[in-house]
Amino acid sequence: RNAHLIEAAGIDGVGVGFVCADPVTGKQLDISPYVIDAG
């Protein structure tokens, strides 16, 4: 959605996150905060 804005900003890269379905709620979540807490 925002590739054109990122390109216009003149930067070379950003922080990317993978999402994954929560096993309880099914909601798609950014998984990086849960790597170390994973059950």
PDB file of all heavy atoms in Angstrom:
ATOM      1  N   ARG A   1       0.817  -1.222   0.000  1.00  0.00           N
ATOM      2  CA  ARG A   1       0.000   0.000   0.000  1.00  0.00           C
ATOM      3  C   ARG A   1       0.846   1.265   0.000  1.00  0.00           C
ATOM      4  O   ARG A   1       0.438   2.298  -0.531  1.00  0.00           O
ATOM      5  CB  ARG A   1      -0.921   0.017   1.229  1.00  0.00           C
ATOM      6  CG  ARG A   1      -2.129  -0.887   1.135  1.00  0.00           C
ATOM      7  CD  ARG A   1      -3.146  -0.537   2.218  1.00  0.00           C
ATOM      8  NE  ARG A   1      -2.599  -0.757   3.546  1.00  0.00           N
ATOM      9  CZ  ARG A   1      -2.778  -1.885   4.247  1.00  0.00           C
ATOM     10  NH1 ARG A   1      -3.493  -2.868   3.726  1.00  0.00           N
ATOM     11  NH2 ARG A   1      -2.264  -2.014   5.451  1.00  0.00           N
ATOM     12  N   ASN A   2       2.023   1.194   0.623  1.00  0.00           N
ATOM     13  CA  ASN A   2       2.810   2.420   0.852  1.00  0.00           C
ATOM     14  C   ASN A   2       4.144   2.445   0.123  1.00  0.00           C
ATOM     15  O   ASN A   2       4.980   3.309   0.410  1.00  0.00           O
ATOM     16  CB  ASN A   2       3.049   2.588   2.355  1.00  0.00           C
ATOM     17  CG  ASN A   2       1.754   2.751   3.123  1.00  0.00           C
ATOM     18  OD1 ASN A   2       1.106   3.787   3.041  1.00  0.00           O
ATOM     19  ND2 ASN A   2       1.364   1.722   3.872  1.00  0.00           N
ATOM     20  N   ALA A   3       4.345   1.532  -0.813  1.00  0.00           N
ATOM     21  CA  ALA A   3       5.639   1.456  -1.512  1.00  0.00           C
ATOM     22  C   ALA A   3       5.992   2.778  -2.184  1.00  0.00           C
ATOM     23  O   ALA A   3       7.157   3.198  -2.179  1.00  0.00           O
ATOM     24  CB  ALA A   3       5.621   0.328  -2.530  1.00  0.00           C
ATOM     25  N   HIS A   4       5.004   3.466  -2.769  1.00  0.00           N
ATOM     26  CA  HIS A   4       5.285   4.722  -3.467  1.00  0.00           C
ATOM     27  C   HIS A   4       5.744   5.810  -2.494  1.00  0.00           C
ATOM     28  O   HIS A   4       6.607   6.636  -2.829  1.00  0.00           O
ATOM     29  CB  HIS A   4       4.049   5.186  -4.243  1.00  0.00           C
ATOM     30  CG  HIS A   4       2.866   5.504  -3.387  1.00  0.00           C
ATOM     31  ND1 HIS A   4       2.173   4.540  -2.665  1.00  0.00           N
ATOM     32  CD2 HIS A   4       2.242   6.692  -3.119  1.00  0.00           C
ATOM     33  CE1 HIS A   4       1.182   5.110  -2.008  1.00  0.00           C
ATOM     34  NE2 HIS A   4       1.201   6.409  -2.246  1.00  0.00           N
ATOM     35  N   LEU A   5       5.201   5.803  -1.274  1.00  0.00           N
ATOM     36  CA  LEU A   5       5.618   6.793  -0.270  1.00  0.00           C
ATOM     37  C   LEU A   5       7.023   6.483   0.240  1.00  0.00           C
ATOM     38  O   LEU A   5       7.838   7.386   0.468  1.00  0.00           O
ATOM     39  CB  LEU A   5       4.632   6.783   0.904  1.00  0.00           C
ATOM     40  CG  LEU A   5       3.195   7.185   0.584  1.00  0.00           C
ATOM     41  CD1 LEU A   5       2.307   7.010   1.809  1.00  0.00           C
ATOM     42  CD2 LEU A   5       3.142   8.631   0.079  1.00  0.00           C
ATOM     43  N   ILE A   6       7.309   5.193   0.430  1.00  0.00           N
ATOM     44  CA  ILE A   6       8.640   4.795   0.904  1.00  0.00           C
ATOM     45  C   ILE A   6       9.686   5.150  -0.141  1.00  0.00           C
ATOM     46  O   ILE A   6      10.757   5.675   0.178  1.00  0.00           O
ATOM     47  CB  ILE A   6       8.655   3.290   1.228  1.00  0.00           C
ATOM     48  CG1 ILE A   6       7.712   2.995   2.399  1.00  0.00           C
ATOM     49  CG2 ILE A   6      10.074   2.813   1.552  1.00  0.00           C
ATOM     50  CD1 ILE A   6       7.470   1.522   2.649  1.00  0.00           C
ATOM     51  N   GLU A   7       9.388   4.880  -1.399  1.00  0.00           N
ATOM     52  CA  GLU A   7      10.333   5.206  -2.469  1.00  0.00           C
ATOM     53  C   GLU A   7      10.581   6.702  -2.533  1.00  0.00           C
ATOM     54  O   GLU A   7      11.715   7.162  -2.693  1.00  0.00           O
ATOM     55  CB  GLU A   7       9.800   4.693  -3.798  1.00  0.00           C
ATOM     56  CG  GLU A   7      10.757   4.917  -4.957  1.00  0.00           C
ATOM     57  CD  GLU A   7      10.294   4.253  -6.247  1.00  0.00           C
ATOM     58  OE1 GLU A   7       9.299   3.498  -6.198  1.00  0.00           O
ATOM     59  OE2 GLU A   7      10.927   4.487  -7.281  1.00  0.00           O
ATOM     60  N   ALA A   8       9.527   7.493  -2.375  1.00  0.00           N
ATOM     61  CA  ALA A   8       9.657   8.956  -2.431  1.00  0.00           C
ATOM     62  C   ALA A   8      10.481   9.494  -1.269  1.00  0.00           C
ATOM     63  O   ALA A   8      11.084  10.567  -1.367  1.00  0.00           O
ATOM     64  CB  ALA A   8       8.278   9.609  -2.435  1.00  0.00           C
ATOM     65  N   ALA A   9      10.530   8.758  -0.152  1.00  0.00           N
ATOM     66  CA  ALA A   9      11.275   9.215   1.028  1.00  0.00           C
ATOM     67  C   ALA A   9      12.783   9.108   0.831  1.00  0.00           C
ATOM     68  O   ALA A   9      13.551   9.674   1.612  1.00  0.00           O
ATOM     69  CB  ALA A   9      10.852   8.412   2.255  1.00  0.00           C
ATOM     70  N   GLY A  10      13.227   8.353  -0.165  1.00  0.00           N
ATOM     71  CA  GLY A  10      14.653   8.251  -0.445  1.00  0.00           C
ATOM     72  C   GLY A  10      15.412   7.345   0.499  1.00  0.00           C
ATOM     73  O   GLY A  10      16.637   7.470   0.637  1.00  0.00           O
ATOM     74  N   ILE A  11      14.717   6.408   1.147  1.00  0.00           N
ATOM     75  CA  ILE A  11      15.403   5.482   2.053  1.00  0.00           C
ATOM     76  C   ILE A  11      15.695   4.170   1.320  1.00  0.00           C
ATOM     77  O   ILE A  11      15.240   3.946   0.202  1.00  0.00           O
ATOM     78  CB  ILE A  11      14.568   5.214   3.321  1.00  0.00           C
ATOM     79  CG1 ILE A  11      13.209   4.610   2.956  1.00  0.00           C
ATOM     80  CG2 ILE A  11      14.401   6.493   4.121  1.00  0.00           C
ATOM     81  CD1 ILE A  11      12.353   4.286   4.158  1.00  0.00           C
ATOM     82  N   ASP A  12      16.469   3.298   1.995  1.00  0.00           N
ATOM     83  CA  ASP A  12      16.894   2.048   1.368  1.00  0.00           C
ATOM     84  C   ASP A  12      16.206   0.812   1.939  1.00  0.00           C
ATOM     85  O   ASP A  12      16.278  -0.264   1.334  1.00  0.00           O
ATOM     86  CB  ASP A  12      18.416   1.884   1.525  1.00  0.00           C
ATOM     87  CG  ASP A  12      19.169   3.013   0.854  1.00  0.00           C
ATOM     88  OD1 ASP A  12      19.165   3.062  -0.383  1.00  0.00           O
ATOM     89  OD2 ASP A  12      19.750   3.857   1.570  1.00  0.00           O
ATOM     90  N   GLY A  13      15.574   0.934   3.102  1.00  0.00           N
ATOM     91  CA  GLY A  13      14.940  -0.232   3.688  1.00  0.00           C
ATOM     92  C   GLY A  13      14.150   0.130   4.928  1.00  0.00           C
ATOM     93  O   GLY A  13      14.306   1.218   5.491  1.00  0.00           O
ATOM     94  N   VAL A  14      13.307  -0.810   5.360  1.00  0.00           N
ATOM     95  CA  VAL A  14      12.451  -0.602   6.527  1.00  0.00           C
ATOM     96  C   VAL A  14      12.430  -1.871   7.376  1.00  0.00           C
ATOM     97  O   VAL A  14      12.981  -2.902   6.991  1.00  0.00           O
ATOM     98  CB  VAL A  14      11.005  -0.234   6.100  1.00  0.00           C
ATOM     99  CG1 VAL A  14      10.970   1.073   5.339  1.00  0.00           C
ATOM    100  CG2 VAL A  14      10.385  -1.368   5.260  1.00  0.00           C
ATOM    101  N   GLY A  15      11.753  -1.778   8.518  1.00  0.00           N
ATOM    102  CA  GLY A  15      11.547  -2.944   9.369  1.00  0.00           C
ATOM    103  C   GLY A  15      10.302  -3.695   8.936  1.00  0.00           C
ATOM    104  O   GLY A  15       9.209  -3.136   8.914  1.00  0.00           O
ATOM    105  N   VAL A  16      10.489  -4.950   8.560  1.00  0.00           N
ATOM    106  CA  VAL A  16       9.411  -5.777   8.035  1.00  0.00           C
ATOM    107  C   VAL A  16       8.988  -6.776   9.102  1.00  0.00           C
ATOM    108  O   VAL A  16       9.827  -7.275   9.861  1.00  0.00           O
ATOM    109  CB  VAL A  16       9.881  -6.529   6.776  1.00  0.00           C
ATOM    110  CG1 VAL A  16       8.811  -7.473   6.261  1.00  0.00           C
ATOM    111  CG2 VAL A  16      10.290  -5.540   5.696  1.00  0.00           C
ATOM    112  N   GLY A  17       7.698  -7.091   9.154  1.00  0.00           N
ATOM    113  CA  GLY A  17       7.219  -8.087  10.110  1.00  0.00           C
ATOM    114  C   GLY A  17       6.406  -9.166   9.430  1.00  0.00           C
ATOM    115  O   GLY A  17       5.676  -8.889   8.477  1.00  0.00           O
ATOM    116  N   PHE A  18       6.539 -10.386   9.901  1.00  0.00           N
ATOM    117  CA  PHE A  18       5.673 -11.464   9.449  1.00  0.00           C
ATOM    118  C   PHE A  18       4.454 -11.522  10.366  1.00  0.00           C
ATOM    119  O   PHE A  18       4.541 -11.220  11.552  1.00  0.00           O
ATOM    120  CB  PHE A  18       6.407 -12.803   9.478  1.00  0.00           C
ATOM    121  CG  PHE A  18       7.525 -12.880   8.479  1.00  0.00           C
ATOM    122  CD1 PHE A  18       8.838 -12.988   8.897  1.00  0.00           C
ATOM    123  CD2 PHE A  18       7.258 -12.840   7.122  1.00  0.00           C
ATOM    124  CE1 PHE A  18       9.869 -13.048   7.977  1.00  0.00           C
ATOM    125  CE2 PHE A  18       8.286 -12.894   6.196  1.00  0.00           C
ATOM    126  CZ  PHE A  18       9.595 -12.998   6.616  1.00  0.00           C
ATOM    127  N   VAL A  19       3.337 -11.922   9.800  1.00  0.00           N
ATOM    128  CA  VAL A  19       2.145 -12.101  10.609  1.00  0.00           C
ATOM    129  C   VAL A  19       1.776 -13.576  10.640  1.00  0.00           C
ATOM    130  O   VAL A  19       2.143 -14.345   9.756  1.00  0.00           O
ATOM    131  CB  VAL A  19       0.957 -11.262  10.076  1.00  0.00           C
ATOM    132  CG1 VAL A  19       1.257  -9.786  10.176  1.00  0.00           C
ATOM    133  CG2 VAL A  19       0.609 -11.636   8.648  1.00  0.00           C
ATOM    134  N   CYS A  20       1.078 -13.949  11.688  1.00  0.00           N
ATOM    135  CA  CYS A  20       0.722 -15.346  11.886  1.00  0.00           C
ATOM    136  C   CYS A  20      -0.587 -15.388  12.657  1.00  0.00           C
ATOM    137  O   CYS A  20      -0.846 -14.531  13.501  1.00  0.00           O
ATOM    138  CB  CYS A  20       1.822 -16.058  12.667  1.00  0.00           C
ATOM    139  SG  CYS A  20       1.786 -17.843  12.550  1.00  0.00           S
ATOM    140  N   ALA A  21      -1.421 -16.382  12.383  1.00  0.00           N
ATOM    141  CA  ALA A  21      -2.706 -16.483  13.074  1.00  0.00           C
ATOM    142  C   ALA A  21      -2.507 -16.891  14.522  1.00  0.00           C
ATOM    143  O   ALA A  21      -1.787 -17.850  14.818  1.00  0.00           O
ATOM    144  CB  ALA A  21      -3.596 -17.498  12.365  1.00  0.00           C
ATOM    145  N   ASP A  22      -3.126 -16.139  15.434  1.00  0.00           N
ATOM    146  CA  ASP A  22      -3.115 -16.515  16.842  1.00  0.00           C
ATOM    147  C   ASP A  22      -3.861 -17.846  16.999  1.00  0.00           C
ATOM    148  O   ASP A  22      -4.990 -17.986  16.523  1.00  0.00           O
ATOM    149  CB  ASP A  22      -3.807 -15.427  17.670  1.00  0.00           C
ATOM    150  CG  ASP A  22      -3.740 -15.704  19.152  1.00  0.00           C
ATOM    151  OD1 ASP A  22      -4.485 -16.590  19.611  1.00  0.00           O
ATOM    152  OD2 ASP A  22      -2.962 -15.035  19.844  1.00  0.00           O
ATOM    153  N   PRO A  23      -3.231 -18.848  17.657  1.00  0.00           N
ATOM    154  CA  PRO A  23      -3.873 -20.161  17.748  1.00  0.00           C
ATOM    155  C   PRO A  23      -5.172 -20.154  18.542  1.00  0.00           C
ATOM    156  O   PRO A  23      -5.999 -21.056  18.388  1.00  0.00           O
ATOM    157  CB  PRO A  23      -2.810 -21.021  18.445  1.00  0.00           C
ATOM    158  CG  PRO A  23      -1.901 -20.064  19.122  1.00  0.00           C
ATOM    159  CD  PRO A  23      -1.916 -18.827  18.290  1.00  0.00           C
ATOM    160  N   VAL A  24      -5.395 -19.127  19.379  1.00  0.00           N
ATOM    161  CA  VAL A  24      -6.606 -19.070  20.196  1.00  0.00           C
ATOM    162  C   VAL A  24      -7.704 -18.259  19.500  1.00  0.00           C
ATOM    163  O   VAL A  24      -8.827 -18.724  19.310  1.00  0.00           O
ATOM    164  CB  VAL A  24      -6.308 -18.472  21.584  1.00  0.00           C
ATOM    165  CG1 VAL A  24      -7.584 -18.341  22.401  1.00  0.00           C
ATOM    166  CG2 VAL A  24      -5.278 -19.323  22.310  1.00  0.00           C
ATOM    167  N   THR A  25      -7.355 -17.038  19.078  1.00  0.00           N
ATOM    168  CA  THR A  25      -8.369 -16.138  18.516  1.00  0.00           C
ATOM    169  C   THR A  25      -8.452 -16.212  16.990  1.00  0.00           C
ATOM    170  O   THR A  25      -9.455 -15.802  16.409  1.00  0.00           O
ATOM    171  CB  THR A  25      -8.067 -14.686  18.904  1.00  0.00           C
ATOM    172  OG1 THR A  25      -6.826 -14.281  18.285  1.00  0.00           O
ATOM    173  CG2 THR A  25      -7.943 -14.547  20.411  1.00  0.00           C
ATOM    174  N   GLY A  26      -7.407 -16.710  16.357  1.00  0.00           N
ATOM    175  CA  GLY A  26      -7.375 -16.734  14.900  1.00  0.00           C
ATOM    176  C   GLY A  26      -7.000 -15.398  14.286  1.00  0.00           C
ATOM    177  O   GLY A  26      -6.823 -15.281  13.072  1.00  0.00           O
ATOM    178  N   LYS A  27      -6.818 -14.366  15.106  1.00  0.00           N
ATOM    179  CA  LYS A  27      -6.471 -13.035  14.612  1.00  0.00           C
ATOM    180  C   LYS A  27      -5.042 -13.016  14.088  1.00  0.00           C
ATOM    181  O   LYS A  27      -4.149 -13.622  14.669  1.00  0.00           O
ATOM    182  CB  LYS A  27      -6.622 -12.012  15.743  1.00  0.00           C
ATOM    183  CG  LYS A  27      -6.357 -10.583  15.330  1.00  0.00           C
ATOM    184  CD  LYS A  27      -6.527  -9.632  16.518  1.00  0.00           C
ATOM    185  CE  LYS A  27      -6.224  -8.195  16.119  1.00  0.00           C
ATOM    186  NZ  LYS A  27      -6.349  -7.266  17.271  1.00  0.00           N
ATOM    187  N   GLN A  28      -4.832 -12.319  12.963  1.00  0.00           N
ATOM    188  CA  GLN A  28      -3.495 -12.207  12.404  1.00  0.00           C
ATOM    189  C   GLN A  28      -2.681 -11.191  13.213  1.00  0.00           C
ATOM    190  O   GLN A  28      -3.088 -10.040  13.369  1.00  0.00           O
ATOM    191  CB  GLN A  28      -3.564 -11.762  10.933  1.00  0.00           C
ATOM    192  CG  GLN A  28      -4.230 -12.766  10.012  1.00  0.00           C
ATOM    193  CD  GLN A  28      -3.389 -14.009   9.801  1.00  0.00           C
ATOM    194  OE1 GLN A  28      -2.205 -14.029  10.094  1.00  0.00           O
ATOM    195  NE2 GLN A  28      -4.003 -15.061   9.294  1.00  0.00           N
ATOM    196  N   LEU A  29      -1.546 -11.618  13.719  1.00  0.00           N
ATOM    197  CA  LEU A  29      -0.711 -10.778  14.568  1.00  0.00           C
ATOM    198  C   LEU A  29       0.702 -10.678  14.014  1.00  0.00           C
ATOM    199  O   LEU A  29       1.206 -11.619  13.391  1.00  0.00           O
ATOM    200  CB  LEU A  29      -0.627 -11.378  15.985  1.00  0.00           C
ATOM    201  CG  LEU A  29      -1.938 -11.544  16.756  1.00  0.00           C
ATOM    202  CD1 LEU A  29      -1.666 -12.320  18.040  1.00  0.00           C
ATOM    203  CD2 LEU A  29      -2.547 -10.188  17.073  1.00  0.00           C
ATOM    204  N   ASP A  30       1.327  -9.520  14.243  1.00  0.00           N
ATOM    205  CA  ASP A  30       2.771  -9.395  14.002  1.00  0.00           C
ATOM    206  C   ASP A  30       3.467 -10.345  14.974  1.00  0.00           C
ATOM    207  O   ASP A  30       3.298 -10.231  16.191  1.00  0.00           O
ATOM    208  CB  ASP A  30       3.194  -7.945  14.248  1.00  0.00           C
ATOM    209  CG  ASP A  30       4.699  -7.734  14.141  1.00  0.00           C
ATOM    210  OD1 ASP A  30       5.420  -8.686  13.810  1.00  0.00           O
ATOM    211  OD2 ASP A  30       5.147  -6.610  14.413  1.00  0.00           O
ATOM    212  N   ILE A  31       4.234 -11.292  14.463  1.00  0.00           N
ATOM    213  CA  ILE A  31       4.748 -12.336  15.351  1.00  0.00           C
ATOM    214  C   ILE A  31       6.032 -11.959  16.085  1.00  0.00           C
ATOM    215  O   ILE A  31       6.410 -12.625  17.045  1.00  0.00           O
ATOM    216  CB  ILE A  31       4.992 -13.659  14.596  1.00  0.00           C
ATOM    217  CG1 ILE A  31       6.037 -13.485  13.484  1.00  0.00           C
ATOM    218  CG2 ILE A  31       3.686 -14.195  14.040  1.00  0.00           C
ATOM    219  CD1 ILE A  31       6.348 -14.775  12.754  1.00  0.00           C
ATOM    220  N   SER A  32       6.688 -10.867  15.677  1.00  0.00           N
ATOM    221  CA  SER A  32       7.989 -10.571  16.286  1.00  0.00           C
ATOM    222  C   SER A  32       7.931 -10.357  17.799  1.00  0.00           C
ATOM    223  O   SER A  32       8.841 -10.791  18.511  1.00  0.00           O
ATOM    224  CB  SER A  32       8.655  -9.376  15.600  1.00  0.00           C
ATOM    225  OG  SER A  32       7.885  -8.207  15.709  1.00  0.00           O
ATOM    226  N   PRO A  33       6.867  -9.720  18.364  1.00  0.00           N
ATOM    227  CA  PRO A  33       6.878  -9.576  19.830  1.00  0.00           C
ATOM    228  C   PRO A  33       6.678 -10.892  20.571  1.00  0.00           C
ATOM    229  O   PRO A  33       6.875 -10.965  21.778  1.00  0.00           O
ATOM    230  CB  PRO A  33       5.691  -8.632  20.098  1.00  0.00           C
ATOM    231  CG  PRO A  33       5.391  -7.985  18.795  1.00  0.00           C
ATOM    232  CD  PRO A  33       5.757  -8.993  17.758  1.00  0.00           C
ATOM    233  N   TYR A  34       6.273 -11.935  19.833  1.00  0.00           N
ATOM    234  CA  TYR A  34       5.914 -13.186  20.493  1.00  0.00           C
ATOM    235  C   TYR A  34       6.952 -14.293  20.303  1.00  0.00           C
ATOM    236  O   TYR A  34       6.739 -15.421  20.729  1.00  0.00           O
ATOM    237  CB  TYR A  34       4.553 -13.662  19.974  1.00  0.00           C
ATOM    238  CG  TYR A  34       3.473 -12.631  20.190  1.00  0.00           C
ATOM    239  CD1 TYR A  34       3.118 -11.760  19.171  1.00  0.00           C
ATOM    240  CD2 TYR A  34       2.850 -12.496  21.433  1.00  0.00           C
ATOM    241  CE1 TYR A  34       2.155 -10.787  19.369  1.00  0.00           C
ATOM    242  CE2 TYR A  34       1.884 -11.519  21.637  1.00  0.00           C
ATOM    243  CZ  TYR A  34       1.540 -10.665  20.603  1.00  0.00           C
ATOM    244  OH  TYR A  34       0.603  -9.694  20.816  1.00  0.00           O
ATOM    245  N   VAL A  35       8.065 -13.973  19.661  1.00  0.00           N
ATOM    246  CA  VAL A  35       9.079 -14.998  19.408  1.00  0.00           C
ATOM    247  C   VAL A  35       9.556 -15.609  20.716  1.00  0.00           C
ATOM    248  O   VAL A  35       9.616 -16.831  20.877  1.00  0.00           O
ATOM    249  CB  VAL A  35      10.280 -14.406  18.629  1.00  0.00           C
ATOM    250  CG1 VAL A  35      11.390 -15.433  18.505  1.00  0.00           C
ATOM    251  CG2 VAL A  35       9.840 -13.940  17.257  1.00  0.00           C
ATOM    252  N   ILE A  36       9.907 -14.764  21.664  1.00  0.00           N
ATOM    253  CA  ILE A  36      10.495 -15.261  22.909  1.00  0.00           C
ATOM    254  C   ILE A  36       9.424 -15.736  23.889  1.00  0.00           C
ATOM    255  O   ILE A  36       9.695 -16.533  24.789  1.00  0.00           O
ATOM    256  CB  ILE A  36      11.387 -14.174  23.551  1.00  0.00           C
ATOM    257  CG1 ILE A  36      12.378 -14.806  24.539  1.00  0.00           C
ATOM    258  CG2 ILE A  36      10.557 -13.083  24.208  1.00  0.00           C
ATOM    259  CD1 ILE A  36      13.483 -13.887  24.982  1.00  0.00           C
ATOM    260  N   ASP A  37       8.187 -15.291  23.719  1.00  0.00           N
ATOM    261  CA  ASP A  37       7.094 -15.689  24.611  1.00  0.00           C
ATOM    262  C   ASP A  37       6.274 -16.856  24.067  1.00  0.00           C
ATOM    263  O   ASP A  37       5.273 -17.239  24.656  1.00  0.00           O
ATOM    264  CB  ASP A  37       6.130 -14.510  24.834  1.00  0.00           C
ATOM    265  CG  ASP A  37       6.750 -13.425  25.705  1.00  0.00           C
ATOM    266  OD1 ASP A  37       7.566 -13.763  26.570  1.00  0.00           O
ATOM    267  OD2 ASP A  37       6.423 -12.244  25.513  1.00  0.00           O
ATOM    268  N   ALA A  38       6.679 -17.386  22.933  1.00  0.00           N
ATOM    269  CA  ALA A  38       5.835 -18.350  22.224  1.00  0.00           C
ATOM    270  C   ALA A  38       5.509 -19.569  23.077  1.00  0.00           C
ATOM    271  O   ALA A  38       6.385 -20.169  23.697  1.00  0.00           O
ATOM    272  CB  ALA A  38       6.531 -18.802  20.948  1.00  0.00           C
ATOM    273  N   GLY A  39       4.231 -19.927  23.062  1.00  0.00           N
ATOM    274  CA  GLY A  39       3.816 -21.119  23.788  1.00  0.00           C
ATOM    275  C   GLY A  39       3.830 -22.359  22.920  1.00  0.00           C
ATOM    276  O   GLY A  39       3.571 -23.461  23.399  1.00  0.00           O
TER     277      GLY A  39
END
